Amino acid sequence: MRRIARWYERLIAAFAVLAGVLVVLVFAAVIYDALLRDFGLQPTRWAVPLSEFALLYITMLASPWVLRSKGQVVVESLRLLLPRRGRLWLERATYLFCVAACAIIAWSSTVEALDSIARGDEERLAISIPLYFAYLPLIVGFVLLGCEFVRLLAGRDTLYEQDATSRDSI
């Protein structure tokens, strides 16, 4: 089991690194395209549509790592008003809701991707890109996010600051 957990952690880290590399590539593509325009040359046809797709990939590949490293915004105002048992119940209910939401989005993205493949749909921007490429990061990202929420639901880890929520000790 530990081997699977290590493999999973490496996968999440590798996706975060890949997202970082994509950020650099998008940055370079935008500069390249802008320089071509500035010098009066024909700009690329691929920079804008690939950058748009890359932003989706960046978001979805990095999200599980952001969640694992607790880099997301957490609003605790309602939670802090509850007693300790209520906070724990609300936290678990939130994780369960997030697992369900991730499963629904991953499932519907998979259905849409398979349907897109069967129909041969393409996104026709300046260049043609198979439409299922837009669904792939959603599938991967939401499956991994769901796994992260299952890990939180089943484990002792929390997204919340323990000191900030310890109202009982005040």
C-alpha atoms as a PDB file:
ATOM      1  CA  MET A   1       0.000   0.000   0.000  1.00  0.00           C
ATOM      2  CA  ARG A   2       2.854   2.378   0.765  1.00  0.00           C
ATOM      3  CA  ARG A   3       4.286   1.735  -2.683  1.00  0.00           C
ATOM      4  CA  ILE A   4       0.995   2.803  -4.270  1.00  0.00           C
ATOM      5  CA  ALA A   5       0.872   5.899  -2.039  1.00  0.00           C
ATOM      6  CA  ARG A   6       4.421   6.870  -3.054  1.00  0.00           C
ATOM      7  CA  TRP A   7       3.611   6.299  -6.722  1.00  0.00           C
ATOM      8  CA  TYR A   8       0.479   8.423  -6.370  1.00  0.00           C
ATOM      9  CA  GLU A   9       2.389  11.248  -4.642  1.00  0.00           C
ATOM     10  CA  ARG A  10       4.998  11.175  -7.412  1.00  0.00           C
ATOM     11  CA  LEU A  11       2.250  11.280 -10.035  1.00  0.00           C
ATOM     12  CA  ILE A  12       0.685  14.348  -8.433  1.00  0.00           C
ATOM     13  CA  ALA A  13       4.094  16.030  -8.156  1.00  0.00           C
ATOM     14  CA  ALA A  14       4.936  15.159 -11.781  1.00  0.00           C
ATOM     15  CA  PHE A  15       1.642  16.667 -12.961  1.00  0.00           C
ATOM     16  CA  ALA A  16       2.393  19.833 -10.958  1.00  0.00           C
ATOM     17  CA  VAL A  17       5.829  20.059 -12.582  1.00  0.00           C
ATOM     18  CA  LEU A  18       4.254  19.485 -16.004  1.00  0.00           C
ATOM     19  CA  ALA A  19       1.805  22.303 -15.275  1.00  0.00           C
ATOM     20  CA  GLY A  20       4.747  24.547 -14.418  1.00  0.00           C
ATOM     21  CA  VAL A  21       6.488  23.633 -17.655  1.00  0.00           C
ATOM     22  CA  LEU A  22       3.287  24.424 -19.563  1.00  0.00           C
ATOM     23  CA  VAL A  23       3.161  27.860 -17.903  1.00  0.00           C
ATOM     24  CA  VAL A  24       6.662  28.569 -19.186  1.00  0.00           C
ATOM     25  CA  LEU A  25       5.783  27.305 -22.667  1.00  0.00           C
ATOM     26  CA  VAL A  26       2.637  29.452 -22.819  1.00  0.00           C
ATOM     27  CA  PHE A  27       4.691  32.433 -21.705  1.00  0.00           C
ATOM     28  CA  ALA A  28       7.270  31.730 -24.420  1.00  0.00           C
ATOM     29  CA  ALA A  29       4.575  31.227 -27.086  1.00  0.00           C
ATOM     30  CA  VAL A  30       2.881  34.525 -26.235  1.00  0.00           C
ATOM     31  CA  ILE A  31       6.201  36.394 -26.349  1.00  0.00           C
ATOM     32  CA  TYR A  32       7.118  34.710 -29.640  1.00  0.00           C
ATOM     33  CA  ASP A  33       3.757  35.601 -31.155  1.00  0.00           C
ATOM     34  CA  ALA A  34       3.991  39.206 -29.910  1.00  0.00           C
ATOM     35  CA  LEU A  35       7.512  39.588 -31.284  1.00  0.00           C
ATOM     36  CA  LEU A  36       6.397  38.357 -34.695  1.00  0.00           C
ATOM     37  CA  ARG A  37       3.633  40.977 -34.686  1.00  0.00           C
ATOM     38  CA  ASP A  38       6.010  43.718 -33.519  1.00  0.00           C
ATOM     39  CA  PHE A  39       8.412  43.002 -36.362  1.00  0.00           C
ATOM     40  CA  GLY A  40       5.587  43.062 -38.896  1.00  0.00           C
ATOM     41  CA  LEU A  41       5.749  39.327 -39.553  1.00  0.00           C
ATOM     42  CA  GLN A  42       2.842  36.935 -39.829  1.00  0.00           C
ATOM     43  CA  PRO A  43       1.885  35.793 -36.295  1.00  0.00           C
ATOM     44  CA  THR A  44       1.485  32.106 -35.578  1.00  0.00           C
ATOM     45  CA  ARG A  45      -1.871  30.410 -35.962  1.00  0.00           C
ATOM     46  CA  TRP A  46      -1.208  27.977 -33.158  1.00  0.00           C
ATOM     47  CA  ALA A  47      -0.092  30.175 -30.231  1.00  0.00           C
ATOM     48  CA  VAL A  48      -3.497  31.401 -29.065  1.00  0.00           C
ATOM     49  CA  PRO A  49      -5.529  28.161 -29.361  1.00  0.00           C
ATOM     50  CA  LEU A  50      -2.769  26.034 -27.845  1.00  0.00           C
ATOM     51  CA  SER A  51      -2.353  28.563 -25.034  1.00  0.00           C
ATOM     52  CA  GLU A  52      -6.075  28.343 -24.315  1.00  0.00           C
ATOM     53  CA  PHE A  53      -5.901  24.568 -24.115  1.00  0.00           C
ATOM     54  CA  ALA A  54      -2.726  24.757 -22.050  1.00  0.00           C
ATOM     55  CA  LEU A  55      -4.461  26.935 -19.441  1.00  0.00           C
ATOM     56  CA  LEU A  56      -7.049  24.209 -18.950  1.00  0.00           C
ATOM     57  CA  TYR A  57      -4.305  21.588 -18.645  1.00  0.00           C
ATOM     58  CA  ILE A  58      -2.311  23.764 -16.228  1.00  0.00           C
ATOM     59  CA  THR A  59      -5.318  24.220 -13.965  1.00  0.00           C
ATOM     60  CA  MET A  60      -6.388  20.591 -13.924  1.00  0.00           C
ATOM     61  CA  LEU A  61      -2.910  19.047 -13.670  1.00  0.00           C
ATOM     62  CA  ALA A  62      -1.860  21.297 -10.790  1.00  0.00           C
ATOM     63  CA  SER A  63      -5.107  21.157  -8.772  1.00  0.00           C
ATOM     64  CA  PRO A  64      -4.496  17.844  -6.963  1.00  0.00           C
ATOM     65  CA  TRP A  65      -1.056  19.038  -5.882  1.00  0.00           C
ATOM     66  CA  VAL A  66      -2.476  22.390  -4.725  1.00  0.00           C
ATOM     67  CA  LEU A  67      -5.108  20.538  -2.690  1.00  0.00           C
ATOM     68  CA  ARG A  68      -2.537  18.126  -1.243  1.00  0.00           C
ATOM     69  CA  SER A  69      -0.225  21.002  -0.264  1.00  0.00           C
ATOM     70  CA  LYS A  70      -3.163  23.006   1.163  1.00  0.00           C
ATOM     71  CA  GLY A  71      -2.566  25.895  -1.210  1.00  0.00           C
ATOM     72  CA  GLN A  72      -6.249  26.593  -1.880  1.00  0.00           C
ATOM     73  CA  VAL A  73      -8.430  29.196  -0.212  1.00  0.00           C
ATOM     74  CA  VAL A  74     -10.427  27.871   2.733  1.00  0.00           C
ATOM     75  CA  VAL A  75     -13.279  29.845   4.277  1.00  0.00           C
ATOM     76  CA  GLU A  76     -13.803  28.911   7.901  1.00  0.00           C
ATOM     77  CA  SER A  77     -16.323  31.516   9.078  1.00  0.00           C
ATOM     78  CA  LEU A  78     -19.308  29.149   9.446  1.00  0.00           C
ATOM     79  CA  ARG A  79     -17.133  26.315  10.694  1.00  0.00           C
ATOM     80  CA  LEU A  80     -15.669  28.463  13.480  1.00  0.00           C
ATOM     81  CA  LEU A  81     -19.148  29.150  14.862  1.00  0.00           C
ATOM     82  CA  LEU A  82     -19.781  25.449  15.462  1.00  0.00           C
ATOM     83  CA  PRO A  83     -18.716  23.337  18.426  1.00  0.00           C
ATOM     84  CA  ARG A  84     -15.929  20.811  17.847  1.00  0.00           C
ATOM     85  CA  ARG A  85     -18.265  17.941  16.926  1.00  0.00           C
ATOM     86  CA  GLY A  86     -20.206  20.161  14.507  1.00  0.00           C
ATOM     87  CA  ARG A  87     -16.951  21.293  12.874  1.00  0.00           C
ATOM     88  CA  LEU A  88     -15.895  17.690  12.333  1.00  0.00           C
ATOM     89  CA  TRP A  89     -19.307  16.769  10.915  1.00  0.00           C
ATOM     90  CA  LEU A  90     -19.313  19.778   8.558  1.00  0.00           C
ATOM     91  CA  GLU A  91     -15.768  19.000   7.434  1.00  0.00           C
ATOM     92  CA  ARG A  92     -16.613  15.366   6.633  1.00  0.00           C
ATOM     93  CA  ALA A  93     -19.835  16.378   4.870  1.00  0.00           C
ATOM     94  CA  THR A  94     -17.869  18.880   2.788  1.00  0.00           C
ATOM     95  CA  TYR A  95     -15.304  16.240   1.791  1.00  0.00           C
ATOM     96  CA  LEU A  96     -18.101  13.817   0.888  1.00  0.00           C
ATOM     97  CA  PHE A  97     -19.829  16.478  -1.228  1.00  0.00           C
ATOM     98  CA  CYS A  98     -16.510  17.207  -2.986  1.00  0.00           C
ATOM     99  CA  VAL A  99     -15.948  13.497  -3.717  1.00  0.00           C
ATOM    100  CA  ALA A 100     -19.417  13.281  -5.252  1.00  0.00           C
ATOM    101  CA  ALA A 101     -18.925  16.474  -7.291  1.00  0.00           C
ATOM    102  CA  CYS A 102     -15.549  15.275  -8.592  1.00  0.00           C
ATOM    103  CA  ALA A 103     -17.008  11.881  -9.508  1.00  0.00           C
ATOM    104  CA  ILE A 104     -19.913  13.467 -11.380  1.00  0.00           C
ATOM    105  CA  ILE A 105     -17.665  15.839 -13.324  1.00  0.00           C
ATOM    106  CA  ALA A 106     -15.120  13.110 -14.122  1.00  0.00           C
ATOM    107  CA  TRP A 107     -17.909  10.762 -15.263  1.00  0.00           C
ATOM    108  CA  SER A 108     -19.660  13.334 -17.433  1.00  0.00           C
ATOM    109  CA  SER A 109     -16.318  14.447 -18.916  1.00  0.00           C
ATOM    110  CA  THR A 110     -15.531  10.830 -19.761  1.00  0.00           C
ATOM    111  CA  VAL A 111     -18.913  10.384 -21.441  1.00  0.00           C
ATOM    112  CA  GLU A 112     -18.424  13.603 -23.420  1.00  0.00           C
ATOM    113  CA  ALA A 113     -14.870  12.634 -24.424  1.00  0.00           C
ATOM    114  CA  LEU A 114     -15.974   9.212 -25.662  1.00  0.00           C
ATOM    115  CA  ASP A 115     -18.886  10.782 -27.510  1.00  0.00           C
ATOM    116  CA  SER A 116     -16.533  13.343 -29.047  1.00  0.00           C
ATOM    117  CA  ILE A 117     -14.169  10.589 -30.179  1.00  0.00           C
ATOM    118  CA  ALA A 118     -17.053   8.607 -31.709  1.00  0.00           C
ATOM    119  CA  ARG A 119     -18.322  11.639 -33.626  1.00  0.00           C
ATOM    120  CA  GLY A 120     -14.858  12.888 -34.566  1.00  0.00           C
ATOM    121  CA  ASP A 121     -15.612  16.358 -33.204  1.00  0.00           C
ATOM    122  CA  GLU A 122     -12.966  19.034 -33.521  1.00  0.00           C
ATOM    123  CA  GLU A 123     -12.501  22.434 -32.000  1.00  0.00           C
ATOM    124  CA  ARG A 124     -11.977  24.668 -35.002  1.00  0.00           C
ATOM    125  CA  LEU A 125     -10.167  27.741 -33.870  1.00  0.00           C
ATOM    126  CA  ALA A 126      -7.217  28.960 -35.917  1.00  0.00           C
ATOM    127  CA  ILE A 127      -6.190  25.296 -36.007  1.00  0.00           C
ATOM    128  CA  SER A 128      -8.214  22.111 -35.626  1.00  0.00           C
ATOM    129  CA  ILE A 129      -7.847  20.252 -32.337  1.00  0.00           C
ATOM    130  CA  PRO A 130      -9.793  17.091 -31.515  1.00  0.00           C
ATOM    131  CA  LEU A 131     -12.435  18.108 -28.978  1.00  0.00           C
ATOM    132  CA  TYR A 132     -11.671  15.232 -26.621  1.00  0.00           C
ATOM    133  CA  PHE A 133      -8.377  16.983 -25.802  1.00  0.00           C
ATOM    134  CA  ALA A 134     -10.484  19.494 -23.873  1.00  0.00           C
ATOM    135  CA  TYR A 135     -12.026  16.713 -21.784  1.00  0.00           C
ATOM    136  CA  LEU A 136      -8.873  14.748 -20.961  1.00  0.00           C
ATOM    137  CA  PRO A 137      -7.522  17.145 -18.322  1.00  0.00           C
ATOM    138  CA  LEU A 138     -10.962  17.321 -16.707  1.00  0.00           C
ATOM    139  CA  ILE A 139     -11.083  13.546 -16.399  1.00  0.00           C
ATOM    140  CA  VAL A 140      -7.570  13.226 -14.981  1.00  0.00           C
ATOM    141  CA  GLY A 141      -7.820  16.292 -12.756  1.00  0.00           C
ATOM    142  CA  PHE A 142     -11.185  15.495 -11.210  1.00  0.00           C
ATOM    143  CA  VAL A 143     -10.340  11.823 -10.655  1.00  0.00           C
ATOM    144  CA  LEU A 144      -7.194  12.872  -8.786  1.00  0.00           C
ATOM    145  CA  LEU A 145      -9.041  15.603  -6.885  1.00  0.00           C
ATOM    146  CA  GLY A 146     -11.646  13.015  -5.912  1.00  0.00           C
ATOM    147  CA  CYS A 147      -8.862  10.751  -4.655  1.00  0.00           C
ATOM    148  CA  GLU A 148      -7.515  13.626  -2.579  1.00  0.00           C
ATOM    149  CA  PHE A 149     -10.916  14.256  -1.016  1.00  0.00           C
ATOM    150  CA  VAL A 150     -11.328  10.520  -0.318  1.00  0.00           C
ATOM    151  CA  ARG A 151      -7.910  10.616   1.369  1.00  0.00           C
ATOM    152  CA  LEU A 152      -9.067  13.539   3.515  1.00  0.00           C
ATOM    153  CA  LEU A 153     -12.386  11.843   4.268  1.00  0.00           C
ATOM    154  CA  ALA A 154     -10.763   8.570   5.313  1.00  0.00           C
ATOM    155  CA  GLY A 155      -7.718   9.969   7.075  1.00  0.00           C
ATOM    156  CA  ARG A 156      -6.804  12.255   9.895  1.00  0.00           C
ATOM    157  CA  ASP A 157      -5.497  15.054   7.702  1.00  0.00           C
ATOM    158  CA  THR A 158      -7.576  18.198   7.325  1.00  0.00           C
ATOM    159  CA  LEU A 159      -7.720  21.202   5.034  1.00  0.00           C
ATOM    160  CA  TYR A 160      -8.299  23.464   7.997  1.00  0.00           C
ATOM    161  CA  GLU A 161      -5.844  24.983  10.443  1.00  0.00           C
ATOM    162  CA  GLN A 162      -6.111  23.107  13.693  1.00  0.00           C
ATOM    163  CA  ASP A 163      -5.045  26.111  15.822  1.00  0.00           C
ATOM    164  CA  ALA A 164      -7.473  28.480  14.113  1.00  0.00           C
ATOM    165  CA  THR A 165     -10.378  26.114  14.714  1.00  0.00           C
ATOM    166  CA  SER A 166      -9.629  25.299  18.302  1.00  0.00           C
ATOM    167  CA  ARG A 167     -12.358  27.561  19.694  1.00  0.00           C
ATOM    168  CA  ASP A 168     -12.871  25.171  22.592  1.00  0.00           C
ATOM    169  CA  SER A 169      -9.447  26.089  24.005  1.00  0.00           C
ATOM    170  CA  ILE A 170     -10.155  29.859  24.023  1.00  0.00           C
END
